[in-house]
């Protein structure tokens, strides 16, 4: 299954064909249940016509709500991942957003990324040619949301904020509103809800509550509202294409996640929004394993496999503890808890909807006896360090080797095979991984040209804790030779003074102003 975010990238993506049904001049209407795949219309509804009848009989869309949906434009010059001191060519892309209470625009974080000093964001209202400069007031890559502020009274004239609703039931008819392909025409796509569950968000690998809808969410729809009745039920942000069957599905960030994000924006300037236990677990649906852990027939829960050292539960909970309940809500043997309309979702939803450092009451079964613990949650952490969108990239050059902290965006730029290896290698850890992003050819590093993309584990026998620590270890070297132990048991040895001298020559040769930049 292929996940993708839905930014309308002018220079990155080819324009997709859209199944337009009607066009009233101001708005194009699209019916989602017919997905265009390889030029063919694919009928995703049941043959008995019940769903078509429900869609046809659904209330008409209130076009007055269109005036609250805006086109978002982002222009940015990104930094090279391999040569972080260089900027790349400027790129432009677009997405959607909509007005919320407090004269703010809500959109996706990936619509306005990356937030560096070479990025500008503008918004445009429907039927207007004026682009207003926007400021990113709050952003969270955990949940892929951002709040924009526009300092213009004229922009806000006659614009009404859209109201947030609740999580819809299955098969509810919905409207996806936005500007596909970063175009000037707003589009309304009609579909229905096919599922509600926790799903990994692309930017942070965080599992949060998600709504799935039938049909495609196209590039440029990101950040646009998904509406039922006269209320917003969520924000369009991703779509999938399944390799095993024909068709696509769209994913929506639901209102509980949105409200949690907005509340965090009002209470704190910190970007961390969601709490986490940072542990791995398994279901207990097998009778034999339940008997092994002395669980009675009435007892249900989930088995803890591992607790990360960064977890607030570290040294409180233990491996092989069985989590029975969270804040009094019982956990089933399927590791799920009750949700609305008799549905069930992962117990992680209860955890994630807490704020970082908020307390949570956990009941566990340990060696046949029940215990309760109040645990302070830690912020959600991604599997790989998320790109630092607010800072310039850090780098360090020594002896022609370019050292950079490993970030998610760096991995995203690598080949598929290499990215898979890195994803498998670097799990959640307290350490910051440092890799060699480039080897600038010189006599001092002859024979080390294939060490690119390898992680530095030790410098002169000392384990590397993070990027700053690596710089300190190299700069503070007191021995004749500098030894680095890399992943895959590779070893690199440099004459320290010769490498130091070569560094200045390489900087001059490549017209690089500084050997390092640490942010």
Protein backbone atom coordinates (compact mmCIF):
# COMPACT_ATOMS: atom_id res chain seq x y z
CA UNK A 1 0.00 0.00 0.00
CA UNK A 2 1.37 3.39 -1.01
CA UNK A 3 0.66 6.38 1.22
CA UNK A 4 1.07 9.90 -0.06
CA UNK A 5 0.32 13.36 1.21
CA UNK A 6 -1.90 15.47 -1.00
CA UNK A 7 -0.05 18.70 -1.64
CA UNK A 8 -0.54 20.09 -5.13
CA UNK A 9 3.11 20.38 -6.14
CA UNK A 10 3.56 22.41 -9.31
CA UNK A 11 7.06 21.14 -10.08
CA UNK A 12 7.04 17.75 -8.31
CA UNK A 13 3.85 16.03 -9.39
CA UNK A 14 2.13 15.39 -12.67
CA UNK A 15 -1.45 16.54 -12.78
CA UNK A 16 -3.99 13.76 -12.22
CA UNK A 17 -7.22 13.40 -14.17
CA UNK A 18 -10.25 14.30 -12.08
CA UNK A 19 -13.69 12.75 -12.54
CA UNK A 20 -15.58 16.05 -12.85
CA UNK A 21 -19.34 15.68 -12.90
CA UNK A 22 -20.65 19.24 -13.05
CA UNK A 23 -19.17 22.68 -13.28
CA UNK A 24 -21.12 25.74 -12.17
CA UNK A 25 -18.35 28.30 -12.86
CA UNK A 26 -17.39 28.76 -9.23
CA UNK A 27 -17.15 25.12 -8.28
CA UNK A 28 -16.55 21.73 -9.87
CA UNK A 29 -18.46 18.81 -8.36
CA UNK A 30 -16.80 15.40 -8.26
CA UNK A 31 -18.32 12.07 -7.22
CA UNK A 32 -15.70 10.12 -5.27
CA UNK A 33 -17.14 6.61 -5.56
CA UNK A 34 -15.99 6.54 -9.20
CA UNK A 35 -12.18 6.45 -9.01
CA UNK A 36 -10.18 7.06 -12.18
CA UNK A 37 -7.46 4.43 -12.40
CA UNK A 38 -5.32 4.12 -15.52
CA UNK A 39 -7.95 5.95 -17.50
CA UNK A 40 -10.83 3.66 -16.45
CA UNK A 41 -13.83 4.31 -14.23
CA UNK A 42 -13.89 1.85 -11.33
CA UNK A 43 -17.24 1.24 -9.60
CA UNK A 44 -16.47 0.90 -5.87
CA UNK A 45 -20.07 0.77 -4.69
CA UNK A 46 -22.24 -2.32 -4.21
CA UNK A 47 -24.18 -3.47 -7.26
CA UNK A 48 -27.60 -3.27 -5.57
CA UNK A 49 -27.55 0.52 -5.84
CA UNK A 50 -28.31 1.21 -2.18
CA UNK A 51 -25.32 3.51 -1.80
CA UNK A 52 -26.04 5.35 -5.00
CA UNK A 53 -29.55 5.97 -3.78
CA UNK A 54 -28.22 7.29 -0.45
CA UNK A 55 -25.78 9.60 -2.23
CA UNK A 56 -28.45 10.88 -4.60
CA UNK A 57 -30.87 11.55 -1.73
CA UNK A 58 -28.26 13.26 0.47
CA UNK A 59 -28.83 16.97 1.27
CA UNK A 60 -27.31 19.46 -1.20
CA UNK A 61 -24.03 21.08 -0.29
CA UNK A 62 -24.26 24.60 1.17
CA UNK A 63 -22.26 26.69 -1.29
CA UNK A 64 -22.04 29.55 1.21
CA UNK A 65 -19.42 27.47 3.03
CA UNK A 66 -17.13 27.74 -0.02
CA UNK A 67 -16.33 31.36 0.86
CA UNK A 68 -14.55 30.12 3.99
CA UNK A 69 -12.23 27.77 2.07
CA UNK A 70 -8.97 29.27 0.80
CA UNK A 71 -6.22 28.39 -1.65
CA UNK A 72 -2.80 28.14 0.05
CA UNK A 73 0.42 28.85 -1.88
CA UNK A 74 3.88 28.00 -0.62
CA UNK A 75 7.19 29.01 -2.20
CA UNK A 76 10.40 27.62 -0.76
CA UNK A 77 14.05 27.13 -1.53
CA UNK A 78 15.12 24.01 0.30
CA UNK A 79 18.61 23.15 1.43
CA UNK A 80 20.50 20.25 -0.10
CA UNK A 81 20.47 17.17 2.15
CA UNK A 82 23.87 16.04 0.87
CA UNK A 83 25.47 19.51 0.81
CA UNK A 84 23.58 21.41 3.55
CA UNK A 85 25.43 24.69 2.92
CA UNK A 86 23.82 24.91 -0.54
CA UNK A 87 20.28 25.93 -1.43
CA UNK A 88 18.37 24.23 -4.24
CA UNK A 89 16.16 25.81 -6.88
CA UNK A 90 12.92 27.40 -5.69
CA UNK A 91 9.81 25.25 -5.80
CA UNK A 92 6.16 26.15 -5.48
CA UNK A 93 3.22 24.06 -4.38
CA UNK A 94 -0.31 24.52 -3.19
CA UNK A 95 -2.92 23.19 -0.86
CA UNK A 96 -6.14 24.24 0.79
CA UNK A 97 -7.26 25.65 4.11
CA UNK A 98 -10.34 27.06 5.82
CA UNK A 99 -11.34 29.69 8.36
CA UNK A 100 -11.85 28.75 12.01
CA UNK A 101 -12.82 30.82 15.04
CA UNK A 102 -10.43 33.56 16.09
CA UNK A 103 -9.62 34.79 12.56
CA UNK A 104 -7.32 31.87 11.81
CA UNK A 105 -6.83 29.54 8.87
CA UNK A 106 -6.39 25.81 9.48
CA UNK A 107 -4.39 23.69 7.03
CA UNK A 108 -1.92 20.80 6.91
CA UNK A 109 1.65 21.13 8.17
CA UNK A 110 2.96 19.58 4.95
CA UNK A 111 1.24 22.32 2.94
CA UNK A 112 3.48 25.00 4.49
CA UNK A 113 6.70 23.00 5.04
CA UNK A 114 9.61 23.40 5.23
CA UNK A 115 9.57 26.40 7.54
CA UNK A 116 12.98 27.98 6.91
CA UNK A 117 14.04 31.52 6.04
CA UNK A 118 13.55 30.77 2.34
CA UNK A 119 9.84 29.94 2.70
CA UNK A 120 6.85 32.20 2.10
CA UNK A 121 3.15 31.35 2.48
CA UNK A 122 0.22 33.17 0.88
CA UNK A 123 -3.52 32.53 0.80
CA UNK A 124 -6.23 33.51 -1.66
CA UNK A 125 -9.99 33.59 -1.23
CA UNK A 126 -12.49 32.21 -3.72
CA UNK A 127 -13.29 34.67 -6.57
CA UNK A 128 -10.34 36.88 -5.57
CA UNK A 129 -7.05 37.52 -7.36
CA UNK A 130 -5.31 38.92 -4.27
CA UNK A 131 -2.80 36.74 -2.45
CA UNK A 132 -2.39 37.69 1.20
CA UNK A 133 0.80 36.94 3.10
CA UNK A 134 0.26 34.41 5.90
CA UNK A 135 2.23 33.73 9.06
CA UNK A 136 2.49 30.22 10.49
CA UNK A 137 1.31 30.70 14.07
CA UNK A 138 1.35 27.04 15.18
CA UNK A 139 2.52 23.86 13.49
CA UNK A 140 2.65 20.21 14.52
CA UNK A 141 4.14 17.56 12.27
CA UNK A 142 2.89 14.84 14.63
CA UNK A 143 -0.67 15.41 13.46
CA UNK A 144 0.14 17.26 10.20
CA UNK A 145 -1.73 20.45 11.17
CA UNK A 146 -0.89 24.14 11.06
CA UNK A 147 -2.62 27.41 11.98
CA UNK A 148 -2.09 30.48 9.78
CA UNK A 149 -2.70 34.12 10.64
CA UNK A 150 -3.38 36.85 8.07
CA UNK A 151 -2.90 40.43 9.20
CA UNK A 152 -5.45 42.07 6.90
CA UNK A 153 -8.94 43.28 7.79
CA UNK A 154 -9.90 43.21 4.12
CA UNK A 155 -9.10 39.51 3.88
CA UNK A 156 -11.48 38.69 6.73
CA UNK A 157 -14.39 40.81 5.47
CA UNK A 158 -17.49 38.61 5.12
CA UNK A 159 -15.63 35.39 5.94
CA UNK A 160 -17.38 33.18 8.46
CA UNK A 161 -15.49 30.52 10.42
CA UNK A 162 -16.53 26.92 9.79
CA UNK A 163 -17.79 24.96 12.78
CA UNK A 164 -16.21 21.69 13.85
CA UNK A 165 -18.54 18.70 14.23
CA UNK A 166 -18.10 15.17 15.56
CA UNK A 167 -16.65 11.92 14.22
CA UNK A 168 -19.22 10.65 11.70
CA UNK A 169 -20.73 7.14 11.68
CA UNK A 170 -19.83 4.64 8.98
CA UNK A 171 -21.40 5.26 5.54
CA UNK A 172 -22.07 8.93 6.32
CA UNK A 173 -22.15 11.03 3.14
CA UNK A 174 -19.32 13.60 3.09
CA UNK A 175 -18.05 16.43 0.89
CA UNK A 176 -14.33 17.04 0.32
CA UNK A 177 -13.74 20.71 -0.47
CA UNK A 178 -10.51 22.22 -1.77
CA UNK A 179 -8.33 23.31 -4.66
CA UNK A 180 -6.98 20.16 -6.38
CA UNK A 181 -3.75 20.57 -8.32
CA UNK A 182 -3.24 24.04 -6.84
CA UNK A 183 -5.73 25.41 -9.37
CA UNK A 184 -7.97 28.46 -9.14
CA UNK A 185 -11.24 26.51 -9.24
CA UNK A 186 -12.57 25.11 -6.00
CA UNK A 187 -13.83 21.52 -6.17
CA UNK A 188 -16.40 19.64 -4.10
CA UNK A 189 -16.10 15.85 -4.09
CA UNK A 190 -18.88 13.63 -2.78
CA UNK A 191 -18.24 10.31 -1.04
CA UNK A 192 -18.90 8.34 2.13
CA UNK A 193 -17.12 7.18 5.31
CA UNK A 194 -15.69 3.65 5.14
CA UNK A 195 -13.81 3.42 8.43
CA UNK A 196 -12.52 5.05 11.62
CA UNK A 197 -9.31 3.78 13.22
CA UNK A 198 -5.81 4.78 14.29
CA UNK A 199 -3.35 5.12 11.41
CA UNK A 200 0.29 6.16 11.05
CA UNK A 201 0.67 9.75 9.92
CA UNK A 202 3.33 10.06 7.22
CA UNK A 203 5.34 12.95 8.62
CA UNK A 204 5.95 11.53 12.06
CA UNK A 205 5.01 7.81 11.93
CA UNK A 206 2.64 8.60 14.81
CA UNK A 207 -0.53 6.50 15.08
CA UNK A 208 -3.50 8.81 15.58
CA UNK A 209 -7.24 8.67 15.00
CA UNK A 210 -8.10 8.77 11.28
CA UNK A 211 -11.23 8.68 9.13
CA UNK A 212 -11.12 6.76 5.86
CA UNK A 213 -13.38 7.73 2.98
CA UNK A 214 -14.15 6.04 -0.31
CA UNK A 215 -12.41 7.67 -3.25
CA UNK A 216 -9.40 9.78 -4.14
CA UNK A 217 -8.19 12.86 -2.32
CA UNK A 218 -6.21 14.62 -5.04
CA UNK A 219 -3.06 16.74 -4.86
CA UNK A 220 -3.97 20.20 -3.61
CA UNK A 221 -6.89 18.98 -1.48
CA UNK A 222 -4.57 18.80 1.54
CA UNK A 223 -5.76 21.11 4.29
CA UNK A 224 -9.26 21.43 2.87
CA UNK A 225 -12.33 20.66 5.00
CA UNK A 226 -14.33 17.46 4.77
CA UNK A 227 -17.92 18.39 5.50
CA UNK A 228 -21.15 16.68 6.47
CA UNK A 229 -24.29 18.74 6.90
CA UNK A 230 -23.08 22.22 7.81
CA UNK A 231 -20.10 21.16 9.95
CA UNK A 232 -16.50 20.10 9.40
CA UNK A 233 -15.80 16.48 10.33
CA UNK A 234 -12.11 16.64 9.43
CA UNK A 235 -9.29 17.73 7.13
CA UNK A 236 -8.16 15.92 3.99
CA UNK A 237 -4.49 14.97 4.21
CA UNK A 238 -3.50 11.66 2.58
CA UNK A 239 -4.58 9.06 0.07
CA UNK A 240 -3.58 5.46 -0.58
CA UNK A 241 -3.25 3.30 -3.61
CA UNK A 242 -3.46 -0.39 -2.83
CA UNK A 243 -1.33 -2.68 -4.99
CA UNK A 244 -3.52 -5.73 -4.29
CA UNK A 245 -6.71 -4.26 -5.67
CA UNK A 246 -7.81 -1.46 -7.94
CA UNK A 247 -8.91 1.76 -6.35
CA UNK A 248 -7.89 4.47 -3.95
CA UNK A 249 -9.00 5.73 -0.56
CA UNK A 250 -8.64 9.07 1.16
CA UNK A 251 -7.69 9.76 4.76
CA UNK A 252 -9.06 12.55 6.92
CA UNK A 253 -7.79 14.06 10.18
CA UNK A 254 -10.88 13.98 12.45
CA UNK A 255 -12.12 16.74 14.73
CA UNK A 256 -10.90 15.23 18.05
CA UNK A 257 -7.32 15.52 16.73
CA UNK A 258 -8.03 19.03 15.42
CA UNK A 259 -9.52 20.22 18.71
CA UNK A 260 -6.58 18.74 20.63
CA UNK A 261 -4.18 20.62 18.36
CA UNK A 262 -6.06 23.94 18.61
CA UNK A 263 -6.24 23.69 22.42
CA UNK A 264 -2.49 23.08 22.51
CA UNK A 265 -1.92 26.12 20.29
CA UNK A 266 -3.83 28.31 22.75
CA UNK A 267 -2.14 26.92 25.86
CA UNK A 268 1.49 26.49 24.86
CA UNK A 269 4.05 27.58 22.29
CA UNK A 270 5.63 24.11 22.32
CA UNK A 271 5.19 22.05 19.19
CA UNK A 272 4.66 18.76 21.03
CA UNK A 273 0.92 18.06 21.18
CA UNK A 274 0.27 14.38 21.95
CA UNK A 275 1.28 12.07 24.78
CA UNK A 276 2.89 8.67 24.36
CA UNK A 277 3.85 5.64 26.45
CA UNK A 278 6.64 4.70 23.96
CA UNK A 279 6.24 0.94 24.32
CA UNK A 280 5.56 -2.09 22.15
CA UNK A 281 2.82 -4.62 22.89
CA UNK A 282 0.85 -7.56 21.51
CA UNK A 283 -2.74 -8.82 21.64
CA UNK A 284 -3.79 -11.67 23.92
CA UNK A 285 -6.46 -13.42 21.90
CA UNK A 286 -4.79 -16.84 22.25
CA UNK A 287 -6.07 -18.91 25.22
CA UNK A 288 -2.73 -20.60 25.85
CA UNK A 289 -0.78 -17.37 26.29
CA UNK A 290 -3.57 -15.99 28.48
CA UNK A 291 -3.33 -19.03 30.75
CA UNK A 292 0.45 -18.70 30.84
CA UNK A 293 0.11 -15.18 32.27
CA UNK A 294 -2.51 -16.25 34.82
CA UNK A 295 -5.43 -14.38 33.26
CA UNK A 296 -8.93 -15.42 34.32
CA UNK A 297 -11.57 -15.91 31.60
CA UNK A 298 -13.08 -12.52 32.51
CA UNK A 299 -9.76 -10.65 32.42
CA UNK A 300 -8.78 -8.84 29.22
CA UNK A 301 -5.76 -6.76 28.27
CA UNK A 302 -2.63 -6.33 26.13
CA UNK A 303 0.87 -7.68 26.82
CA UNK A 304 3.84 -5.29 27.09
CA UNK A 305 6.81 -6.53 25.02
CA UNK A 306 9.24 -3.66 25.52
CA UNK A 307 9.37 -0.24 27.22
CA UNK A 308 11.64 2.38 25.68
CA UNK A 309 14.02 4.12 28.09
CA UNK A 310 12.53 7.48 27.05
CA UNK A 311 9.05 6.40 28.22
CA UNK A 312 7.46 7.87 31.32
CA UNK A 313 6.59 4.27 32.17
CA UNK A 314 10.24 3.19 32.17
CA UNK A 315 11.14 1.48 35.47
CA UNK A 316 7.46 1.69 36.52
CA UNK A 317 5.86 -0.77 34.16
CA UNK A 318 7.74 -3.95 33.21
CA UNK A 319 8.06 -6.31 30.31
CA UNK A 320 5.33 -8.99 30.48
CA UNK A 321 3.00 -6.67 32.42
CA UNK A 322 -0.54 -6.86 31.04
CA UNK A 323 -2.29 -3.50 30.66
CA UNK A 324 -5.87 -4.08 31.81
CA UNK A 325 -7.28 -0.55 31.70
CA UNK A 326 -6.36 3.09 31.06
CA UNK A 327 -8.16 5.72 33.12
CA UNK A 328 -10.78 3.11 33.98
CA UNK A 329 -11.44 2.10 30.35
CA UNK A 330 -10.94 -1.68 29.97
CA UNK A 331 -8.66 -2.88 27.16
CA UNK A 332 -9.77 -5.92 25.18
CA UNK A 333 -7.59 -8.88 24.27
CA UNK A 334 -7.43 -7.35 20.79
CA UNK A 335 -5.61 -4.32 22.32
CA UNK A 336 -8.63 -2.16 21.50
CA UNK A 337 -11.12 -0.08 23.48
CA UNK A 338 -14.77 0.83 22.85
CA UNK A 339 -15.40 3.78 20.55
CA UNK A 340 -18.55 5.46 19.36
CA UNK A 341 -21.35 3.53 17.63
CA UNK A 342 -20.17 0.19 19.05
CA UNK A 343 -16.87 0.40 17.16
CA UNK A 344 -13.46 -0.45 18.62
CA UNK A 345 -10.09 1.24 18.09
CA UNK A 346 -6.55 0.87 19.42
CA UNK A 347 -6.07 1.79 23.09
CA UNK A 348 -3.32 4.15 21.88
CA UNK A 349 -6.08 6.62 21.05
CA UNK A 350 -6.73 7.13 24.79
CA UNK A 351 -3.02 7.76 25.33
CA UNK A 352 -2.47 10.09 22.38
CA UNK A 353 -5.39 12.34 23.35
CA UNK A 354 -3.55 13.23 26.53
CA UNK A 355 -1.08 16.10 26.48
CA UNK A 356 2.65 15.60 27.02
CA UNK A 357 3.52 15.25 30.73
CA UNK A 358 -0.14 14.79 31.65
CA UNK A 359 -0.83 11.94 34.11
CA UNK A 360 -2.56 8.73 33.09
CA UNK A 361 -3.85 5.94 35.38
CA UNK A 362 -2.79 2.48 34.19
CA UNK A 363 -4.01 -0.79 35.71
CA UNK A 364 -1.75 -3.79 35.03
CA UNK A 365 -1.65 -7.48 35.85
CA UNK A 366 1.80 -8.56 37.05
CA UNK A 367 2.41 -12.20 37.97
CA UNK A 368 -1.28 -12.72 38.64
CA UNK A 369 -1.74 -9.60 40.83
CA UNK A 370 -3.31 -6.28 39.85
CA UNK A 371 -1.48 -2.94 40.32
CA UNK A 372 -2.32 0.69 39.46
CA UNK A 373 0.19 3.41 38.55
CA UNK A 374 -0.10 7.11 37.76
CA UNK A 375 2.33 7.71 34.89
CA UNK A 376 3.46 10.99 33.34
CA UNK A 377 3.30 10.74 29.55
CA UNK A 378 6.16 11.80 27.30
CA UNK A 379 5.71 13.61 23.97
CA UNK A 380 5.17 11.45 20.92
CA UNK A 381 8.46 10.66 19.21
CA UNK A 382 8.89 9.58 15.57
CA UNK A 383 10.90 6.51 14.60
CA UNK A 384 13.39 8.77 12.83
CA UNK A 385 14.24 12.31 13.87
CA UNK A 386 11.79 14.56 12.05
CA UNK A 387 13.30 17.25 9.87
CA UNK A 388 13.91 20.41 11.89
CA UNK A 389 11.65 22.62 9.79
CA UNK A 390 12.42 25.78 11.74
CA UNK A 391 16.23 25.64 11.63
CA UNK A 392 18.90 25.69 8.99
CA UNK A 393 20.43 22.23 8.46
CA UNK A 394 23.43 21.29 10.60
CA UNK A 395 26.60 19.91 9.06
CA UNK A 396 30.28 19.37 9.89
CA UNK A 397 33.13 18.92 7.40
CA UNK A 398 36.41 17.25 8.34
CA UNK A 399 38.93 15.72 5.99
CA UNK A 400 36.47 15.89 3.11
CA UNK A 401 33.77 13.96 4.99
CA UNK A 402 30.45 15.72 5.44
CA UNK A 403 28.71 14.68 8.66
CA UNK A 404 24.99 15.42 9.18
CA UNK A 405 22.36 14.35 11.72
CA UNK A 406 20.06 11.72 10.26
CA UNK A 407 16.59 13.15 9.64
CA UNK A 408 13.40 11.77 8.14
CA UNK A 409 13.68 14.15 5.18
CA UNK A 410 17.19 12.86 4.47
CA UNK A 411 15.87 9.31 4.30
CA UNK A 412 12.97 10.42 2.09
CA UNK A 413 15.52 11.68 -0.47
CA UNK A 414 17.42 8.38 -0.61
CA UNK A 415 16.83 5.50 -2.98
CA UNK A 416 14.05 3.07 -2.00
CA UNK A 417 16.42 0.25 -1.06
CA UNK A 418 18.71 2.45 1.02
CA UNK A 419 15.74 4.07 2.75
CA UNK A 420 14.37 0.65 3.71
CA UNK A 421 17.72 -0.33 5.21
CA UNK A 422 17.85 2.87 7.25
CA UNK A 423 14.26 2.51 8.42
CA UNK A 424 15.01 -1.03 9.61
CA UNK A 425 18.27 0.01 11.27
CA UNK A 426 17.25 3.12 13.18
CA UNK A 427 14.38 2.48 15.56
CA UNK A 428 13.27 4.74 18.41
CA UNK A 429 16.29 5.63 20.52
CA UNK A 430 17.53 8.28 22.92
CA UNK A 431 20.49 8.92 20.63
CA UNK A 432 20.74 11.13 17.57
CA UNK A 433 22.26 9.25 14.67
CA UNK A 434 25.02 10.93 12.64
CA UNK A 435 25.85 9.82 9.12
CA UNK A 436 28.32 10.68 6.36
CA UNK A 437 26.28 12.44 3.68
CA UNK A 438 29.14 12.95 1.22
CA UNK A 439 32.82 12.15 0.70
CA UNK A 440 34.65 15.00 -1.07
CA UNK A 441 37.48 13.39 -2.98
CA UNK A 442 40.97 14.09 -1.62
CA UNK A 443 44.20 12.18 -0.98
CA UNK A 444 43.42 12.06 2.74
CA UNK A 445 40.19 10.08 2.23
CA UNK A 446 41.29 7.88 -0.65
CA UNK A 447 39.65 4.47 -0.45
CA UNK A 448 36.73 5.71 1.66
CA UNK A 449 34.50 6.83 -1.19
CA UNK A 450 31.90 4.12 -0.54
CA UNK A 451 31.39 5.18 3.10
CA UNK A 452 28.61 7.57 2.10
CA UNK A 453 25.34 7.17 4.10
CA UNK A 454 27.02 5.10 6.81
CA UNK A 455 26.41 5.93 10.46
CA UNK A 456 29.29 6.93 12.72
CA UNK A 457 29.11 4.81 15.88
CA UNK A 458 32.39 5.63 17.66
CA UNK A 459 35.19 8.20 17.50
CA UNK A 460 38.47 7.00 19.01
CA UNK A 461 36.56 4.34 20.93
CA UNK A 462 33.96 6.73 22.37
CA UNK A 463 30.32 6.08 21.46
CA UNK A 464 28.76 9.00 19.57
CA UNK A 465 25.72 10.35 21.46
CA UNK A 466 24.57 12.97 18.99
CA UNK A 467 25.74 15.34 16.26
CA UNK A 468 27.20 17.94 18.63
CA UNK A 469 29.04 15.20 20.53
CA UNK A 470 30.65 13.95 17.30
CA UNK A 471 31.92 17.45 16.50
CA UNK A 472 33.38 17.75 20.00
CA UNK A 473 35.11 14.36 19.77
CA UNK A 474 36.75 15.20 16.45
CA UNK A 475 37.74 18.76 17.40
CA UNK A 476 39.12 17.56 20.74
CA UNK A 477 41.20 14.70 19.31
CA UNK A 478 44.62 14.55 21.03
CA UNK A 479 46.06 11.51 19.27
CA UNK A 480 48.04 11.24 16.06
CA UNK A 481 45.34 9.24 14.31
CA UNK A 482 41.59 9.71 14.32
CA UNK A 483 39.67 6.43 14.21
CA UNK A 484 35.97 6.18 13.41
CA UNK A 485 33.94 2.99 13.72
CA UNK A 486 31.02 2.97 11.32
CA UNK A 487 28.02 0.72 10.85
CA UNK A 488 28.50 -2.61 9.06
CA UNK A 489 31.78 -2.93 11.03
CA UNK A 490 33.56 -0.47 8.70
CA UNK A 491 36.62 1.31 10.12
CA UNK A 492 38.10 4.65 9.01
CA UNK A 493 41.49 5.98 10.18
CA UNK A 494 42.82 9.47 9.34
CA UNK A 495 46.01 11.23 10.28
CA UNK A 496 44.50 14.02 12.39
CA UNK A 497 46.81 16.90 11.45
CA UNK A 498 46.81 15.97 7.75
CA UNK A 499 43.01 15.74 7.73
CA UNK A 500 42.74 19.09 9.48
CA UNK A 501 44.99 20.71 6.89
CA UNK A 502 43.06 19.06 4.04
CA UNK A 503 39.80 20.43 5.44
CA UNK A 504 40.83 24.06 4.81
CA UNK A 505 41.99 23.21 1.28
CA UNK A 506 38.70 21.45 0.51
CA UNK A 507 36.65 24.38 1.83
CA UNK A 508 38.58 26.78 -0.39
CA UNK A 509 38.34 24.48 -3.42
CA UNK A 510 34.55 24.15 -3.11
CA UNK A 511 33.98 27.77 -2.03
CA UNK A 512 32.40 26.74 1.29
CA UNK A 513 32.41 29.54 3.86
CA UNK A 514 32.46 27.44 7.02
CA UNK A 515 33.42 23.91 8.02
CA UNK A 516 30.41 23.58 10.28
CA UNK A 517 26.96 24.87 11.10
CA UNK A 518 25.35 23.56 14.29
CA UNK A 519 21.72 24.44 15.06
